Amino acid sequence: MKVLSGGCRVFGPGDGRISTVANCSARTVIDRASGAQWITQTIFDHGIGRSPAFVNPSADEVLYIARGEGVCYVNGFAYELRPGTGVFIPPGTECGIENPGPDRLRIVSSCCPQDLERRIVENPVAAASSEAPRRTVHEQDREVIRAGKDREFRYLVHTDLGCREVTQFVGWIPPSKAPFHFHEYEEGTYILEGHGIVHAEGESCEFGPGSSIYFPKGLRHCVENPGASSIRLLGVFYPSGSPSAAYED
């Protein structure tokens, strides 16, 4: 991990605290222990089989499927998972993940606020038979929205899924260098594809696929793409809003 001026933090693909429960390993990257105030980011790798269910009593949680396919059980309702899927887990809702294989299932999770009462559920609710509420969305089903002159994003979990605390999105940064700007939200970013440089308050750090970046609220920064292809990233921020809401000096 590299800490830049103003509290920006850049994490490599191997950074974070690792824990394991049954067939699932968790690498906690962004949380209060690493300098964040509200946002968390944890990378889950699920082996074949059904992982123990969990519940956050007081936090919104959003998931993004980065690799593999499977099923997410939310209060007994089953939702198919594939790369590019966003999932909303409301507070007090039981959630379990099943990976039919043959590959591992990688999920990028963010909670807001960090829920210190998160726990494993010993006896999850039975399969539900009524109509399932809308809890998932795929990035291909969202429209492309421009942010600035040359950057684009698509909402994933947003207010239309009932999520009020955080916004989840995927974004693309073409070869370019944006002007320095700041946001009125705290953000955690996960790099899906591409290499670049983050600049913050006179300091810089390179990043690549699997890196994570934490931006405090109000931090002047810019993300530069010096390469020949676009950077593709996953972003989650609090409080909820628009990724295009940036303020230049």
Protein backbone atom coordinates (compact mmCIF):
# COMPACT_ATOMS: atom_id res chain seq x y z
CA MET A 1 0.00 0.00 0.00
CA LYS A 2 1.16 3.53 -0.78
CA VAL A 3 -0.28 6.52 1.07
CA LEU A 4 -0.36 9.76 -0.93
CA SER A 5 -0.84 13.29 0.36
CA GLY A 6 -4.35 14.04 1.52
CA GLY A 7 -5.09 10.46 2.56
CA CYS A 8 -5.38 8.81 -0.87
CA ARG A 9 -4.29 5.18 -0.67
CA VAL A 10 -3.27 2.85 -3.50
CA PHE A 11 -3.36 -0.88 -2.77
CA GLY A 12 -1.74 -3.62 -4.81
CA PRO A 13 -3.45 -6.92 -5.71
CA GLY A 14 -1.82 -8.62 -2.72
CA ASP A 15 -2.50 -5.97 -0.09
CA GLY A 16 -5.09 -6.35 2.64
CA ARG A 17 -5.98 -8.63 5.54
CA ILE A 18 -6.86 -12.19 4.53
CA SER A 19 -9.30 -14.46 6.35
CA THR A 20 -10.94 -17.75 5.37
CA VAL A 21 -14.31 -19.29 6.23
CA ALA A 22 -15.16 -22.69 4.74
CA ASN A 23 -14.67 -22.47 0.94
CA CYS A 24 -14.41 -18.66 0.86
CA SER A 25 -11.36 -16.44 1.34
CA ALA A 26 -11.74 -12.71 2.02
CA ARG A 27 -9.13 -9.99 1.48
CA THR A 28 -10.16 -6.80 3.25
CA VAL A 29 -8.52 -3.85 1.53
CA ILE A 30 -10.41 -0.64 2.40
CA ASP A 31 -11.94 -0.05 5.84
CA ARG A 32 -11.44 2.07 8.95
CA ALA A 33 -8.24 0.25 9.79
CA SER A 34 -6.73 1.37 6.47
CA GLY A 35 -7.88 4.97 6.75
CA ALA A 36 -11.43 5.05 5.35
CA GLN A 37 -14.32 6.59 7.27
CA TRP A 38 -17.40 4.96 5.73
CA ILE A 39 -16.59 2.84 2.70
CA THR A 40 -15.19 -0.69 2.81
CA GLN A 41 -13.87 -2.91 0.05
CA THR A 42 -13.32 -6.66 0.38
CA ILE A 43 -12.33 -9.12 -2.36
CA PHE A 44 -14.03 -12.51 -1.91
CA ASP A 45 -12.85 -15.65 -3.71
CA HIS A 46 -15.41 -18.46 -3.49
CA GLY A 47 -14.36 -22.05 -4.15
CA ILE A 48 -16.75 -24.67 -5.45
CA GLY A 49 -19.78 -25.20 -3.21
CA ARG A 50 -22.09 -23.06 -1.12
CA SER A 51 -20.49 -20.54 1.22
CA PRO A 52 -21.91 -19.72 4.66
CA ALA A 53 -24.63 -17.06 4.61
CA PHE A 54 -24.04 -13.70 6.32
CA VAL A 55 -26.01 -10.65 7.41
CA ASN A 56 -25.14 -6.99 8.01
CA PRO A 57 -27.58 -5.66 10.62
CA SER A 58 -27.13 -1.99 9.74
CA ALA A 59 -25.20 -1.59 6.47
CA ASP A 60 -26.00 -1.46 2.78
CA GLU A 61 -23.74 -3.85 0.86
CA VAL A 62 -23.13 -3.97 -2.88
CA LEU A 63 -21.43 -6.84 -4.71
CA TYR A 64 -19.82 -6.97 -8.15
CA ILE A 65 -19.02 -10.19 -9.97
CA ALA A 66 -15.51 -9.81 -11.37
CA ARG A 67 -14.94 -13.44 -12.40
CA GLY A 68 -16.87 -16.72 -12.54
CA GLU A 69 -20.54 -17.64 -12.37
CA GLY A 70 -22.83 -18.73 -9.57
CA VAL A 71 -25.97 -18.06 -7.57
CA CYS A 72 -26.66 -15.49 -4.86
CA TYR A 73 -29.35 -16.31 -2.28
CA VAL A 74 -30.89 -13.17 -0.76
CA ASN A 75 -33.47 -13.94 1.96
CA GLY A 76 -34.15 -17.23 0.18
CA PHE A 77 -34.53 -15.78 -3.33
CA ALA A 78 -32.05 -17.07 -5.93
CA TYR A 79 -30.29 -14.70 -8.36
CA GLU A 80 -27.95 -15.77 -11.15
CA LEU A 81 -24.46 -14.29 -11.12
CA ARG A 82 -22.08 -13.69 -14.01
CA PRO A 83 -19.26 -11.22 -14.67
CA GLY A 84 -20.58 -7.66 -14.79
CA THR A 85 -23.46 -8.27 -12.35
CA GLY A 86 -24.09 -5.88 -9.46
CA VAL A 87 -26.02 -7.07 -6.38
CA PHE A 88 -27.71 -5.02 -3.65
CA ILE A 89 -27.89 -6.52 -0.14
CA PRO A 90 -30.08 -4.31 2.12
CA PRO A 91 -29.42 -4.08 5.88
CA GLY A 92 -30.69 -7.06 7.85
CA THR A 93 -30.85 -9.27 4.76
CA GLU A 94 -29.35 -12.75 4.68
CA CYS A 95 -27.04 -13.47 1.75
CA GLY A 96 -25.27 -16.64 0.66
CA ILE A 97 -23.20 -17.48 -2.43
CA GLU A 98 -23.04 -20.77 -4.33
CA ASN A 99 -20.31 -21.54 -6.85
CA PRO A 100 -21.12 -24.54 -9.09
CA GLY A 101 -17.60 -24.47 -10.54
CA PRO A 102 -15.38 -25.33 -12.22
CA ASP A 103 -13.64 -21.96 -11.63
CA ARG A 104 -13.40 -19.76 -8.59
CA LEU A 105 -15.94 -16.99 -8.19
CA ARG A 106 -14.48 -13.54 -7.44
CA ILE A 107 -16.73 -10.89 -5.89
CA VAL A 108 -15.80 -7.31 -5.00
CA SER A 109 -17.86 -6.17 -2.00
CA SER A 110 -18.40 -2.74 -0.45
CA CYS A 111 -20.33 -1.96 2.74
CA CYS A 112 -21.47 1.42 3.97
CA PRO A 113 -21.13 2.10 6.77
CA GLN A 114 -18.68 -0.53 7.96
CA ASP A 115 -20.80 -2.94 10.00
CA LEU A 116 -18.91 -4.26 13.00
CA GLU A 117 -21.87 -6.55 13.79
CA ARG A 118 -21.61 -8.49 10.50
CA ARG A 119 -22.06 -12.16 11.29
CA ILE A 120 -22.39 -15.64 9.83
CA VAL A 121 -25.96 -17.04 9.77
CA GLU A 122 -26.10 -20.58 11.15
CA ASN A 123 -29.59 -21.42 9.81
CA PRO A 124 -30.37 -19.37 6.68
CA VAL A 125 -33.96 -18.78 5.66
CA ALA A 126 -35.56 -21.44 3.47
CA ALA A 127 -36.06 -21.00 -0.26
CA ALA A 128 -38.64 -18.29 -0.97
CA SER A 129 -41.59 -18.99 -3.26
CA SER A 130 -43.10 -15.52 -3.75
CA GLU A 131 -42.02 -13.01 -6.39
CA ALA A 132 -38.40 -12.01 -5.94
CA PRO A 133 -37.64 -8.31 -5.38
CA ARG A 134 -35.20 -6.71 -7.80
CA ARG A 135 -31.75 -7.06 -6.29
CA THR A 136 -29.39 -7.48 -9.28
CA VAL A 137 -28.49 -5.56 -12.41
CA HIS A 138 -26.00 -6.25 -15.21
CA GLU A 139 -23.82 -3.50 -16.63
CA GLN A 140 -24.92 -4.33 -20.19
CA ASP A 141 -28.50 -3.42 -19.20
CA ARG A 142 -27.52 0.11 -18.16
CA GLU A 143 -27.14 3.05 -20.51
CA VAL A 144 -23.75 4.67 -21.07
CA ILE A 145 -23.49 8.12 -19.49
CA ARG A 146 -20.78 10.64 -20.30
CA ALA A 147 -18.72 12.16 -17.50
CA GLY A 148 -16.76 15.16 -18.66
CA LYS A 149 -15.34 15.40 -22.18
CA ASP A 150 -14.16 11.85 -22.77
CA ARG A 151 -15.03 9.57 -19.85
CA GLU A 152 -18.02 7.26 -19.57
CA PHE A 153 -19.75 5.24 -16.89
CA ARG A 154 -22.74 3.00 -16.28
CA TYR A 155 -24.66 2.83 -13.04
CA LEU A 156 -24.92 -0.59 -11.38
CA VAL A 157 -26.61 -0.63 -7.96
CA HIS A 158 -28.39 2.70 -7.59
CA THR A 159 -31.60 4.15 -6.19
CA ASP A 160 -33.88 2.19 -8.55
CA LEU A 161 -32.81 -1.00 -6.72
CA GLY A 162 -33.70 0.59 -3.39
CA CYS A 163 -30.14 1.46 -2.37
CA ARG A 164 -30.05 4.88 -0.68
CA GLU A 165 -26.63 5.03 0.95
CA VAL A 166 -24.10 4.18 -1.79
CA THR A 167 -23.76 4.26 -5.57
CA GLN A 168 -21.99 1.50 -7.52
CA PHE A 169 -20.82 2.01 -11.10
CA VAL A 170 -18.39 0.84 -13.78
CA GLY A 171 -16.35 3.45 -15.64
CA TRP A 172 -13.97 3.75 -18.58
CA ILE A 173 -11.00 6.11 -18.80
CA PRO A 174 -9.50 6.46 -22.30
CA PRO A 175 -5.88 7.49 -22.83
CA SER A 176 -5.94 10.95 -21.27
CA LYS A 177 -5.21 12.99 -18.16
CA ALA A 178 -8.15 14.66 -16.48
CA PRO A 179 -7.84 18.06 -14.78
CA PHE A 180 -7.44 18.01 -11.02
CA HIS A 181 -10.83 17.87 -9.32
CA PHE A 182 -12.55 16.72 -6.16
CA HIS A 183 -15.81 14.99 -5.17
CA GLU A 184 -18.24 15.50 -2.31
CA TYR A 185 -18.17 11.79 -1.52
CA GLU A 186 -15.80 9.10 -0.27
CA GLU A 187 -14.89 6.55 -2.93
CA GLY A 188 -13.39 3.08 -3.21
CA THR A 189 -12.22 1.97 -6.67
CA TYR A 190 -11.18 -1.45 -7.99
CA ILE A 191 -9.24 -1.65 -11.27
CA LEU A 192 -10.72 -4.30 -13.58
CA GLU A 193 -8.55 -3.63 -16.64
CA GLY A 194 -5.72 -1.34 -17.65
CA HIS A 195 -2.80 0.55 -16.11
CA GLY A 196 -2.58 4.16 -15.02
CA ILE A 197 -1.31 6.75 -12.58
CA VAL A 198 -3.21 8.44 -9.77
CA HIS A 199 -2.09 11.94 -8.78
CA ALA A 200 -3.04 13.47 -5.44
CA GLU A 201 -1.76 16.67 -3.85
CA GLY A 202 1.61 16.63 -5.63
CA GLU A 203 2.31 12.90 -5.29
CA SER A 204 1.70 10.05 -7.75
CA CYS A 205 1.43 6.25 -7.82
CA GLU A 206 1.05 3.72 -10.64
CA PHE A 207 -1.67 1.07 -10.58
CA GLY A 208 -2.78 -1.93 -12.62
CA PRO A 209 -5.44 -4.67 -12.74
CA GLY A 210 -6.46 -5.84 -9.28
CA SER A 211 -5.34 -2.60 -7.62
CA SER A 212 -7.64 -0.68 -5.30
CA ILE A 213 -7.70 3.09 -4.72
CA TYR A 214 -9.28 4.97 -1.82
CA PHE A 215 -10.24 8.63 -2.29
CA PRO A 216 -11.26 10.65 0.79
CA LYS A 217 -14.06 13.17 0.42
CA GLY A 218 -12.84 16.51 -0.93
CA LEU A 219 -9.39 15.28 -2.04
CA ARG A 220 -7.92 17.04 -5.11
CA HIS A 221 -6.80 14.31 -7.49
CA CYS A 222 -6.74 13.08 -11.05
CA VAL A 223 -6.38 9.69 -12.72
CA GLU A 224 -4.13 9.55 -15.77
CA ASN A 225 -4.17 6.88 -18.47
CA PRO A 226 -0.84 7.07 -20.33
CA GLY A 227 -1.44 3.84 -22.26
CA ALA A 228 -3.03 2.94 -25.57
CA SER A 229 -6.22 1.27 -24.26
CA SER A 230 -8.93 2.28 -21.81
CA ILE A 231 -8.87 1.67 -18.07
CA ARG A 232 -11.98 -0.13 -16.85
CA LEU A 233 -12.82 0.29 -13.19
CA LEU A 234 -15.45 -0.44 -10.55
CA GLY A 235 -16.35 2.41 -8.23
CA VAL A 236 -18.46 2.70 -5.09
CA PHE A 237 -19.04 5.95 -3.24
CA TYR A 238 -20.87 7.41 -0.25
CA PRO A 239 -23.13 9.32 -0.04
CA SER A 240 -25.09 8.22 -3.09
CA GLY A 241 -25.05 10.44 -6.16
CA SER A 242 -23.56 10.73 -9.64
CA PRO A 243 -20.00 9.76 -10.67
CA SER A 244 -20.00 12.81 -12.97
CA ALA A 245 -20.39 15.22 -10.04
CA ALA A 246 -16.79 16.52 -9.98
CA TYR A 247 -15.57 19.96 -9.03
CA GLU A 248 -12.50 21.53 -10.61
CA ASP A 249 -10.42 24.28 -9.04
